Amino acid sequence: MIVRRTFLYIKEAIILFFVQIIQCTVIAINYRSISQANYPITALSAAAIAGITYFLIRRISDNNNEKRNMDIAWIGFMLGSVVGDIVGIYVSKILLGS
């Protein structure tokens, strides 16, 4: 039982890690597209940000009853933010130029 529960905590952290990488990458693309007045990319990235944010809010609020689960998931969320920002800079430079 303890092993299964620990696996679920780690699974949640991994899911939030990768979702946050995607979120931060899309945010970086959005910022760059706004600064370049690229309307189509801005609209697409803003819609993606809204959808991902909704997913994250639902995911976190559904698991809010288990505080320990969210403490471990928070680590994945934070690390995903760091990696996502770096990936976002790289991808946005490729898509939209320097």
PDB file of N, CA and C in Angstrom:
ATOM      1  N   MET A   1       0.818  -1.195   0.000  1.00  0.00           N
ATOM      2  CA  MET A   1       0.000   0.000   0.000  1.00  0.00           C
ATOM      3  C   MET A   1       0.864   1.261   0.000  1.00  0.00           C
ATOM      4  N   ILE A   2       1.904   1.279   0.830  1.00  0.00           N
ATOM      5  CA  ILE A   2       2.781   2.458   0.905  1.00  0.00           C
ATOM      6  C   ILE A   2       3.538   2.640  -0.411  1.00  0.00           C
ATOM      7  N   VAL A   3       4.002   1.528  -1.002  1.00  0.00           N
ATOM      8  CA  VAL A   3       4.733   1.608  -2.266  1.00  0.00           C
ATOM      9  C   VAL A   3       3.821   2.139  -3.368  1.00  0.00           C
ATOM     10  N   ARG A   4       2.600   1.646  -3.417  1.00  0.00           N
ATOM     11  CA  ARG A   4       1.644   2.089  -4.434  1.00  0.00           C
ATOM     12  C   ARG A   4       1.345   3.578  -4.280  1.00  0.00           C
ATOM     13  N   ARG A   5       1.161   4.017  -3.053  1.00  0.00           N
ATOM     14  CA  ARG A   5       0.859   5.420  -2.794  1.00  0.00           C
ATOM     15  C   ARG A   5       2.054   6.312  -3.174  1.00  0.00           C
ATOM     16  N   THR A   6       3.253   5.867  -2.824  1.00  0.00           N
ATOM     17  CA  THR A   6       4.461   6.626  -3.192  1.00  0.00           C
ATOM     18  C   THR A   6       4.588   6.723  -4.704  1.00  0.00           C
ATOM     19  N   PHE A   7       4.297   5.625  -5.398  1.00  0.00           N
ATOM     20  CA  PHE A   7       4.332   5.634  -6.857  1.00  0.00           C
ATOM     21  C   PHE A   7       3.345   6.668  -7.413  1.00  0.00           C
ATOM     22  N   LEU A   8       2.168   6.754  -6.825  1.00  0.00           N
ATOM     23  CA  LEU A   8       1.177   7.728  -7.283  1.00  0.00           C
ATOM     24  C   LEU A   8       1.650   9.165  -7.054  1.00  0.00           C
ATOM     25  N   TYR A   9       2.325   9.416  -5.933  1.00  0.00           N
ATOM     26  CA  TYR A   9       2.870  10.748  -5.661  1.00  0.00           C
ATOM     27  C   TYR A   9       3.923  11.121  -6.699  1.00  0.00           C
ATOM     28  N   ILE A  10       4.797  10.178  -6.990  1.00  0.00           N
ATOM     29  CA  ILE A  10       5.860  10.435  -7.963  1.00  0.00           C
ATOM     30  C   ILE A  10       5.256  10.617  -9.360  1.00  0.00           C
ATOM     31  N   LYS A  11       4.266   9.815  -9.677  1.00  0.00           N
ATOM     32  CA  LYS A  11       3.581   9.940 -10.966  1.00  0.00           C
ATOM     33  C   LYS A  11       2.978  11.332 -11.119  1.00  0.00           C
ATOM     34  N   GLU A  12       2.350  11.830 -10.078  1.00  0.00           N
ATOM     35  CA  GLU A  12       1.751  13.169 -10.119  1.00  0.00           C
ATOM     36  C   GLU A  12       2.821  14.239 -10.323  1.00  0.00           C
ATOM     37  N   ALA A  13       3.952  14.082  -9.645  1.00  0.00           N
ATOM     38  CA  ALA A  13       5.058  15.038  -9.808  1.00  0.00           C
ATOM     39  C   ALA A  13       5.578  15.026 -11.243  1.00  0.00           C
ATOM     40  N   ILE A  14       5.689  13.852 -11.831  1.00  0.00           N
ATOM     41  CA  ILE A  14       6.179  13.740 -13.212  1.00  0.00           C
ATOM     42  C   ILE A  14       5.182  14.366 -14.188  1.00  0.00           C
ATOM     43  N   ILE A  15       3.897  14.118 -13.978  1.00  0.00           N
ATOM     44  CA  ILE A  15       2.879  14.714 -14.848  1.00  0.00           C
ATOM     45  C   ILE A  15       2.945  16.236 -14.774  1.00  0.00           C
ATOM     46  N   LEU A  16       2.999  16.778 -13.569  1.00  0.00           N
ATOM     47  CA  LEU A  16       3.064  18.239 -13.425  1.00  0.00           C
ATOM     48  C   LEU A  16       4.369  18.799 -13.975  1.00  0.00           C
ATOM     49  N   PHE A  17       5.450  18.053 -13.856  1.00  0.00           N
ATOM     50  CA  PHE A  17       6.746  18.469 -14.407  1.00  0.00           C
ATOM     51  C   PHE A  17       6.618  18.702 -15.916  1.00  0.00           C
ATOM     52  N   PHE A  18       6.079  17.712 -16.629  1.00  0.00           N
ATOM     53  CA  PHE A  18       5.993  17.828 -18.081  1.00  0.00           C
ATOM     54  C   PHE A  18       4.934  18.830 -18.534  1.00  0.00           C
ATOM     55  N   VAL A  19       3.841  18.911 -17.822  1.00  0.00           N
ATOM     56  CA  VAL A  19       2.819  19.903 -18.174  1.00  0.00           C
ATOM     57  C   VAL A  19       3.380  21.313 -17.968  1.00  0.00           C
ATOM     58  N   GLN A  20       4.148  21.493 -16.922  1.00  0.00           N
ATOM     59  CA  GLN A  20       4.720  22.812 -16.655  1.00  0.00           C
ATOM     60  C   GLN A  20       5.796  23.166 -17.681  1.00  0.00           C
ATOM     61  N   ILE A  21       6.533  22.184 -18.168  1.00  0.00           N
ATOM     62  CA  ILE A  21       7.485  22.455 -19.251  1.00  0.00           C
ATOM     63  C   ILE A  21       6.735  22.998 -20.464  1.00  0.00           C
ATOM     64  N   ILE A  22       5.653  22.337 -20.822  1.00  0.00           N
ATOM     65  CA  ILE A  22       4.846  22.783 -21.963  1.00  0.00           C
ATOM     66  C   ILE A  22       4.279  24.173 -21.706  1.00  0.00           C
ATOM     67  N   GLN A  23       3.742  24.382 -20.518  1.00  0.00           N
ATOM     68  CA  GLN A  23       3.148  25.685 -20.162  1.00  0.00           C
ATOM     69  C   GLN A  23       4.173  26.811 -20.286  1.00  0.00           C
ATOM     70  N   CYS A  24       5.336  26.645 -19.687  1.00  0.00           N
ATOM     71  CA  CYS A  24       6.349  27.709 -19.709  1.00  0.00           C
ATOM     72  C   CYS A  24       6.904  27.932 -21.110  1.00  0.00           C
ATOM     73  N   THR A  25       6.998  26.875 -21.892  1.00  0.00           N
ATOM     74  CA  THR A  25       7.433  27.024 -23.282  1.00  0.00           C
ATOM     75  C   THR A  25       6.426  27.847 -24.065  1.00  0.00           C
ATOM     76  N   VAL A  26       5.159  27.558 -23.900  1.00  0.00           N
ATOM     77  CA  VAL A  26       4.114  28.306 -24.604  1.00  0.00           C
ATOM     78  C   VAL A  26       4.086  29.758 -24.123  1.00  0.00           C
ATOM     79  N   ILE A  27       4.295  29.992 -22.849  1.00  0.00           N
ATOM     80  CA  ILE A  27       4.328  31.367 -22.330  1.00  0.00           C
ATOM     81  C   ILE A  27       5.492  32.142 -22.945  1.00  0.00           C
ATOM     82  N   ALA A  28       6.657  31.509 -23.061  1.00  0.00           N
ATOM     83  CA  ALA A  28       7.809  32.191 -23.680  1.00  0.00           C
ATOM     84  C   ALA A  28       7.520  32.527 -25.139  1.00  0.00           C
ATOM     85  N   ILE A  29       6.897  31.591 -25.845  1.00  0.00           N
ATOM     86  CA  ILE A  29       6.519  31.859 -27.233  1.00  0.00           C
ATOM     87  C   ILE A  29       5.509  33.006 -27.288  1.00  0.00           C
ATOM     88  N   ASN A  30       4.566  33.022 -26.363  1.00  0.00           N
ATOM     89  CA  ASN A  30       3.569  34.080 -26.312  1.00  0.00           C
ATOM     90  C   ASN A  30       4.213  35.442 -26.081  1.00  0.00           C
ATOM     91  N   TYR A  31       5.124  35.529 -25.124  1.00  0.00           N
ATOM     92  CA  TYR A  31       5.786  36.816 -24.849  1.00  0.00           C
ATOM     93  C   TYR A  31       6.552  37.317 -26.066  1.00  0.00           C
ATOM     94  N   ARG A  32       7.277  36.415 -26.712  1.00  0.00           N
ATOM     95  CA  ARG A  32       8.059  36.818 -27.873  1.00  0.00           C
ATOM     96  C   ARG A  32       7.134  37.240 -29.019  1.00  0.00           C
ATOM     97  N   SER A  33       6.033  36.516 -29.213  1.00  0.00           N
ATOM     98  CA  SER A  33       5.115  36.869 -30.301  1.00  0.00           C
ATOM     99  C   SER A  33       4.417  38.203 -30.030  1.00  0.00           C
ATOM    100  N   ILE A  34       4.121  38.487 -28.767  1.00  0.00           N
ATOM    101  CA  ILE A  34       3.538  39.793 -28.428  1.00  0.00           C
ATOM    102  C   ILE A  34       4.538  40.907 -28.732  1.00  0.00           C
ATOM    103  N   SER A  35       5.790  40.708 -28.352  1.00  0.00           N
ATOM    104  CA  SER A  35       6.789  41.758 -28.581  1.00  0.00           C
ATOM    105  C   SER A  35       7.049  41.985 -30.069  1.00  0.00           C
ATOM    106  N   GLN A  36       6.781  40.963 -30.894  1.00  0.00           N
ATOM    107  CA  GLN A  36       6.972  41.105 -32.339  1.00  0.00           C
ATOM    108  C   GLN A  36       5.652  41.432 -33.067  1.00  0.00           C
ATOM    109  N   ALA A  37       4.593  41.626 -32.308  1.00  0.00           N
ATOM    110  CA  ALA A  37       3.262  41.926 -32.860  1.00  0.00           C
ATOM    111  C   ALA A  37       2.835  40.865 -33.871  1.00  0.00           C
ATOM    112  N   ASN A  38       3.077  39.610 -33.540  1.00  0.00           N
ATOM    113  CA  ASN A  38       2.689  38.485 -34.392  1.00  0.00           C
ATOM    114  C   ASN A  38       1.322  37.995 -33.896  1.00  0.00           C
ATOM    115  N   TYR A  39       0.269  38.498 -34.507  1.00  0.00           N
ATOM    116  CA  TYR A  39      -1.095  38.256 -34.026  1.00  0.00           C
ATOM    117  C   TYR A  39      -1.517  36.785 -34.054  1.00  0.00           C
ATOM    118  N   PRO A  40      -1.260  36.050 -35.140  1.00  0.00           N
ATOM    119  CA  PRO A  40      -1.713  34.652 -35.156  1.00  0.00           C
ATOM    120  C   PRO A  40      -1.044  33.786 -34.077  1.00  0.00           C
ATOM    121  N   ILE A  41       0.261  33.908 -33.914  1.00  0.00           N
ATOM    122  CA  ILE A  41       0.974  33.117 -32.900  1.00  0.00           C
ATOM    123  C   ILE A  41       0.551  33.555 -31.502  1.00  0.00           C
ATOM    124  N   THR A  42       0.320  34.860 -31.313  1.00  0.00           N
ATOM    125  CA  THR A  42      -0.148  35.354 -30.019  1.00  0.00           C
ATOM    126  C   THR A  42      -1.501  34.749 -29.671  1.00  0.00           C
ATOM    127  N   ALA A  43      -2.409  34.714 -30.627  1.00  0.00           N
ATOM    128  CA  ALA A  43      -3.742  34.162 -30.380  1.00  0.00           C
ATOM    129  C   ALA A  43      -3.670  32.666 -30.067  1.00  0.00           C
ATOM    130  N   LEU A  44      -2.903  31.924 -30.849  1.00  0.00           N
ATOM    131  CA  LEU A  44      -2.778  30.482 -30.622  1.00  0.00           C
ATOM    132  C   LEU A  44      -2.133  30.172 -29.274  1.00  0.00           C
ATOM    133  N   SER A  45      -1.075  30.895 -28.967  1.00  0.00           N
ATOM    134  CA  SER A  45      -0.382  30.625 -27.702  1.00  0.00           C
ATOM    135  C   SER A  45      -1.227  31.048 -26.502  1.00  0.00           C
ATOM    136  N   ALA A  46      -1.990  32.128 -26.628  1.00  0.00           N
ATOM    137  CA  ALA A  46      -2.866  32.548 -25.526  1.00  0.00           C
ATOM    138  C   ALA A  46      -3.954  31.505 -25.275  1.00  0.00           C
ATOM    139  N   ALA A  47      -4.507  30.945 -26.336  1.00  0.00           N
ATOM    140  CA  ALA A  47      -5.519  29.891 -26.178  1.00  0.00           C
ATOM    141  C   ALA A  47      -4.902  28.653 -25.527  1.00  0.00           C
ATOM    142  N   ALA A  48      -3.686  28.307 -25.935  1.00  0.00           N
ATOM    143  CA  ALA A  48      -3.008  27.147 -25.335  1.00  0.00           C
ATOM    144  C   ALA A  48      -2.731  27.385 -23.852  1.00  0.00           C
ATOM    145  N   ILE A  49      -2.306  28.589 -23.503  1.00  0.00           N
ATOM    146  CA  ILE A  49      -2.039  28.921 -22.094  1.00  0.00           C
ATOM    147  C   ILE A  49      -3.312  28.773 -21.264  1.00  0.00           C
ATOM    148  N   ALA A  50      -4.426  29.256 -21.783  1.00  0.00           N
ATOM    149  CA  ALA A  50      -5.694  29.148 -21.053  1.00  0.00           C
ATOM    150  C   ALA A  50      -6.082  27.683 -20.850  1.00  0.00           C
ATOM    151  N   GLY A  51      -5.937  26.878 -21.871  1.00  0.00           N
ATOM    152  CA  GLY A  51      -6.279  25.464 -21.761  1.00  0.00           C
ATOM    153  C   GLY A  51      -5.392  24.713 -20.785  1.00  0.00           C
ATOM    154  N   ILE A  52      -4.108  24.966 -20.858  1.00  0.00           N
ATOM    155  CA  ILE A  52      -3.172  24.289 -19.952  1.00  0.00           C
ATOM    156  C   ILE A  52      -3.399  24.740 -18.510  1.00  0.00           C
ATOM    157  N   THR A  53      -3.653  26.036 -18.322  1.00  0.00           N
ATOM    158  CA  THR A  53      -3.918  26.546 -16.976  1.00  0.00           C
ATOM    159  C   THR A  53      -5.165  25.898 -16.388  1.00  0.00           C
ATOM    160  N   TYR A  54      -6.201  25.759 -17.197  1.00  0.00           N
ATOM    161  CA  TYR A  54      -7.420  25.097 -16.734  1.00  0.00           C
ATOM    162  C   TYR A  54      -7.120  23.656 -16.313  1.00  0.00           C
ATOM    163  N   PHE A  55      -6.352  22.944 -17.128  1.00  0.00           N
ATOM    164  CA  PHE A  55      -5.957  21.567 -16.794  1.00  0.00           C
ATOM    165  C   PHE A  55      -5.211  21.520 -15.467  1.00  0.00           C
ATOM    166  N   LEU A  56      -4.258  22.429 -15.278  1.00  0.00           N
ATOM    167  CA  LEU A  56      -3.471  22.440 -14.046  1.00  0.00           C
ATOM    168  C   LEU A  56      -4.329  22.735 -12.825  1.00  0.00           C
ATOM    169  N   ILE A  57      -5.223  23.711 -12.944  1.00  0.00           N
ATOM    170  CA  ILE A  57      -6.092  24.051 -11.812  1.00  0.00           C
ATOM    171  C   ILE A  57      -6.969  22.860 -11.442  1.00  0.00           C
ATOM    172  N   ARG A  58      -7.558  22.228 -12.434  1.00  0.00           N
ATOM    173  CA  ARG A  58      -8.400  21.055 -12.171  1.00  0.00           C
ATOM    174  C   ARG A  58      -7.589  19.926 -11.554  1.00  0.00           C
ATOM    175  N   ARG A  59      -6.396  19.690 -12.068  1.00  0.00           N
ATOM    176  CA  ARG A  59      -5.558  18.589 -11.581  1.00  0.00           C
ATOM    177  C   ARG A  59      -5.161  18.826 -10.121  1.00  0.00           C
ATOM    178  N   ILE A  60      -4.745  20.041  -9.813  1.00  0.00           N
ATOM    179  CA  ILE A  60      -4.296  20.346  -8.457  1.00  0.00           C
ATOM    180  C   ILE A  60      -5.484  20.362  -7.488  1.00  0.00           C
ATOM    181  N   SER A  61      -6.599  20.947  -7.897  1.00  0.00           N
ATOM    182  CA  SER A  61      -7.744  21.005  -6.979  1.00  0.00           C
ATOM    183  C   SER A  61      -8.352  19.634  -6.745  1.00  0.00           C
ATOM    184  N   ASP A  62      -8.315  18.747  -7.728  1.00  0.00           N
ATOM    185  CA  ASP A  62      -8.839  17.393  -7.537  1.00  0.00           C
ATOM    186  C   ASP A  62      -8.001  16.594  -6.546  1.00  0.00           C
ATOM    187  N   ASN A  63      -6.710  16.918  -6.451  1.00  0.00           N
ATOM    188  CA  ASN A  63      -5.814  16.188  -5.559  1.00  0.00           C
ATOM    189  C   ASN A  63      -5.544  16.935  -4.259  1.00  0.00           C
ATOM    190  N   ASN A  64      -6.275  17.988  -4.002  1.00  0.00           N
ATOM    191  CA  ASN A  64      -5.997  18.833  -2.843  1.00  0.00           C
ATOM    192  C   ASN A  64      -6.276  18.143  -1.509  1.00  0.00           C
ATOM    193  N   ASN A  65      -7.021  17.054  -1.514  1.00  0.00           N
ATOM    194  CA  ASN A  65      -7.323  16.362  -0.259  1.00  0.00           C
ATOM    195  C   ASN A  65      -6.100  15.671   0.330  1.00  0.00           C
ATOM    196  N   GLU A  66      -5.139  15.324  -0.489  1.00  0.00           N
ATOM    197  CA  GLU A  66      -3.938  14.657   0.004  1.00  0.00           C
ATOM    198  C   GLU A  66      -2.780  15.643  -0.016  1.00  0.00           C
ATOM    199  N   LYS A  67      -2.539  16.285   1.092  1.00  0.00           N
ATOM    200  CA  LYS A  67      -1.504  17.312   1.155  1.00  0.00           C
ATOM    201  C   LYS A  67      -0.132  16.766   0.808  1.00  0.00           C
ATOM    202  N   ARG A  68       0.185  15.577   1.275  1.00  0.00           N
ATOM    203  CA  ARG A  68       1.499  15.003   0.986  1.00  0.00           C
ATOM    204  C   ARG A  68       1.687  14.826  -0.517  1.00  0.00           C
ATOM    205  N   ASN A  69       0.638  14.406  -1.195  1.00  0.00           N
ATOM    206  CA  ASN A  69       0.698  14.240  -2.638  1.00  0.00           C
ATOM    207  C   ASN A  69       1.078  15.561  -3.297  1.00  0.00           C
ATOM    208  N   MET A  70       0.461  16.643  -2.876  1.00  0.00           N
ATOM    209  CA  MET A  70       0.722  17.933  -3.487  1.00  0.00           C
ATOM    210  C   MET A  70       2.100  18.473  -3.105  1.00  0.00           C
ATOM    211  N   ASP A  71       2.606  18.121  -1.927  1.00  0.00           N
ATOM    212  CA  ASP A  71       3.953  18.550  -1.560  1.00  0.00           C
ATOM    213  C   ASP A  71       4.983  17.948  -2.497  1.00  0.00           C
ATOM    214  N   ILE A  72       4.842  16.677  -2.822  1.00  0.00           N
ATOM    215  CA  ILE A  72       5.766  16.023  -3.743  1.00  0.00           C
ATOM    216  C   ILE A  72       5.538  16.546  -5.158  1.00  0.00           C
ATOM    217  N   ALA A  73       4.290  16.726  -5.552  1.00  0.00           N
ATOM    218  CA  ALA A  73       3.977  17.221  -6.887  1.00  0.00           C
ATOM    219  C   ALA A  73       4.513  18.636  -7.094  1.00  0.00           C
ATOM    220  N   TRP A  74       4.576  19.403  -6.033  1.00  0.00           N
ATOM    221  CA  TRP A  74       5.087  20.784  -6.120  1.00  0.00           C
ATOM    222  C   TRP A  74       6.527  20.799  -6.623  1.00  0.00           C
ATOM    223  N   ILE A  75       7.316  19.814  -6.239  1.00  0.00           N
ATOM    224  CA  ILE A  75       8.706  19.725  -6.703  1.00  0.00           C
ATOM    225  C   ILE A  75       8.729  19.568  -8.221  1.00  0.00           C
ATOM    226  N   GLY A  76       7.914  18.670  -8.736  1.00  0.00           N
ATOM    227  CA  GLY A  76       7.828  18.490 -10.182  1.00  0.00           C
ATOM    228  C   GLY A  76       7.354  19.750 -10.882  1.00  0.00           C
ATOM    229  N   PHE A  77       6.393  20.430 -10.283  1.00  0.00           N
ATOM    230  CA  PHE A  77       5.852  21.663 -10.838  1.00  0.00           C
ATOM    231  C   PHE A  77       6.932  22.739 -10.938  1.00  0.00           C
ATOM    232  N   MET A  78       7.706  22.903  -9.874  1.00  0.00           N
ATOM    233  CA  MET A  78       8.760  23.926  -9.856  1.00  0.00           C
ATOM    234  C   MET A  78       9.881  23.605 -10.832  1.00  0.00           C
ATOM    235  N   LEU A  79      10.340  22.351 -10.832  1.00  0.00           N
ATOM    236  CA  LEU A  79      11.411  21.971 -11.756  1.00  0.00           C
ATOM    237  C   LEU A  79      10.953  22.079 -13.206  1.00  0.00           C
ATOM    238  N   GLY A  80       9.700  21.753 -13.462  1.00  0.00           N
ATOM    239  CA  GLY A  80       9.151  21.911 -14.804  1.00  0.00           C
ATOM    240  C   GLY A  80       9.135  23.360 -15.251  1.00  0.00           C
ATOM    241  N   SER A  81       8.916  24.271 -14.329  1.00  0.00           N
ATOM    242  CA  SER A  81       8.938  25.699 -14.652  1.00  0.00           C
ATOM    243  C   SER A  81      10.328  26.141 -15.091  1.00  0.00           C
ATOM    244  N   VAL A  82      11.335  25.699 -14.372  1.00  0.00           N
ATOM    245  CA  VAL A  82      12.716  26.070 -14.696  1.00  0.00           C
ATOM    246  C   VAL A  82      13.103  25.519 -16.072  1.00  0.00           C
ATOM    247  N   VAL A  83      12.871  24.238 -16.267  1.00  0.00           N
ATOM    248  CA  VAL A  83      13.210  23.610 -17.548  1.00  0.00           C
ATOM    249  C   VAL A  83      12.371  24.211 -18.670  1.00  0.00           C
ATOM    250  N   GLY A  84      11.095  24.453 -18.415  1.00  0.00           N
ATOM    251  CA  GLY A  84      10.207  25.022 -19.421  1.00  0.00           C
ATOM    252  C   GLY A  84      10.628  26.404 -19.878  1.00  0.00           C
ATOM    253  N   ASP A  85      11.113  27.229 -18.969  1.00  0.00           N
ATOM    254  CA  ASP A  85      11.588  28.558 -19.360  1.00  0.00           C
ATOM    255  C   ASP A  85      12.790  28.461 -20.294  1.00  0.00           C
ATOM    256  N   ILE A  86      13.707  27.572 -19.974  1.00  0.00           N
ATOM    257  CA  ILE A  86      14.897  27.406 -20.820  1.00  0.00           C
ATOM    258  C   ILE A  86      14.510  26.853 -22.193  1.00  0.00           C
ATOM    259  N   VAL A  87      13.672  25.830 -22.203  1.00  0.00           N
ATOM    260  CA  VAL A  87      13.204  25.261 -23.465  1.00  0.00           C
ATOM    261  C   VAL A  87      12.404  26.313 -24.243  1.00  0.00           C
ATOM    262  N   GLY A  88      11.604  27.088 -23.542  1.00  0.00           N
ATOM    263  CA  GLY A  88      10.791  28.119 -24.183  1.00  0.00           C
ATOM    264  C   GLY A  88      11.617  29.174 -24.900  1.00  0.00           C
ATOM    265  N   ILE A  89      12.692  29.591 -24.282  1.00  0.00           N
ATOM    266  CA  ILE A  89      13.578  30.568 -24.936  1.00  0.00           C
ATOM    267  C   ILE A  89      14.130  29.977 -26.227  1.00  0.00           C
ATOM    268  N   TYR A  90      14.594  28.744 -26.152  1.00  0.00           N
ATOM    269  CA  TYR A  90      15.183  28.080 -27.299  1.00  0.00           C
ATOM    270  C   TYR A  90      14.154  27.901 -28.432  1.00  0.00           C
ATOM    271  N   VAL A  91      12.991  27.368 -28.095  1.00  0.00           N
ATOM    272  CA  VAL A  91      11.960  27.103 -29.110  1.00  0.00           C
ATOM    273  C   VAL A  91      11.431  28.403 -29.706  1.00  0.00           C
ATOM    274  N   SER A  92      11.223  29.418 -28.884  1.00  0.00           N
ATOM    275  CA  SER A  92      10.696  30.675 -29.411  1.00  0.00           C
ATOM    276  C   SER A  92      11.697  31.370 -30.333  1.00  0.00           C
ATOM    277  N   LYS A  93      12.981  31.197 -30.066  1.00  0.00           N
ATOM    278  CA  LYS A  93      13.987  31.759 -30.975  1.00  0.00           C
ATOM    279  C   LYS A  93      13.955  31.047 -32.330  1.00  0.00           C
ATOM    280  N   ILE A  94      13.705  29.728 -32.295  1.00  0.00           N
ATOM    281  CA  ILE A  94      13.624  28.985 -33.565  1.00  0.00           C
ATOM    282  C   ILE A  94      12.360  29.388 -34.335  1.00  0.00           C
ATOM    283  N   LEU A  95      11.214  29.448 -33.630  1.00  0.00           N
ATOM    284  CA  LEU A  95       9.946  29.757 -34.300  1.00  0.00           C
ATOM    285  C   LEU A  95       9.848  31.199 -34.771  1.00  0.00           C
ATOM    286  N   LEU A  96      10.310  32.124 -33.940  1.00  0.00           N
ATOM    287  CA  LEU A  96      10.061  33.536 -34.217  1.00  0.00           C
ATOM    288  C   LEU A  96      11.324  34.345 -34.500  1.00  0.00           C
ATOM    289  N   GLY A  97      12.468  33.728 -34.433  1.00  0.00           N
ATOM    290  CA  GLY A  97      13.714  34.448 -34.687  1.00  0.00           C
ATOM    291  C   GLY A  97      14.208  35.185 -33.469  1.00  0.00           C
ATOM    292  N   SER A  98      15.394  35.728 -33.579  1.00  0.00           N
ATOM    293  CA  SER A  98      16.028  36.407 -32.442  1.00  0.00           C
ATOM    294  C   SER A  98      15.481  37.768 -32.200  1.00  0.00           C
TER     295      SER A  98
END
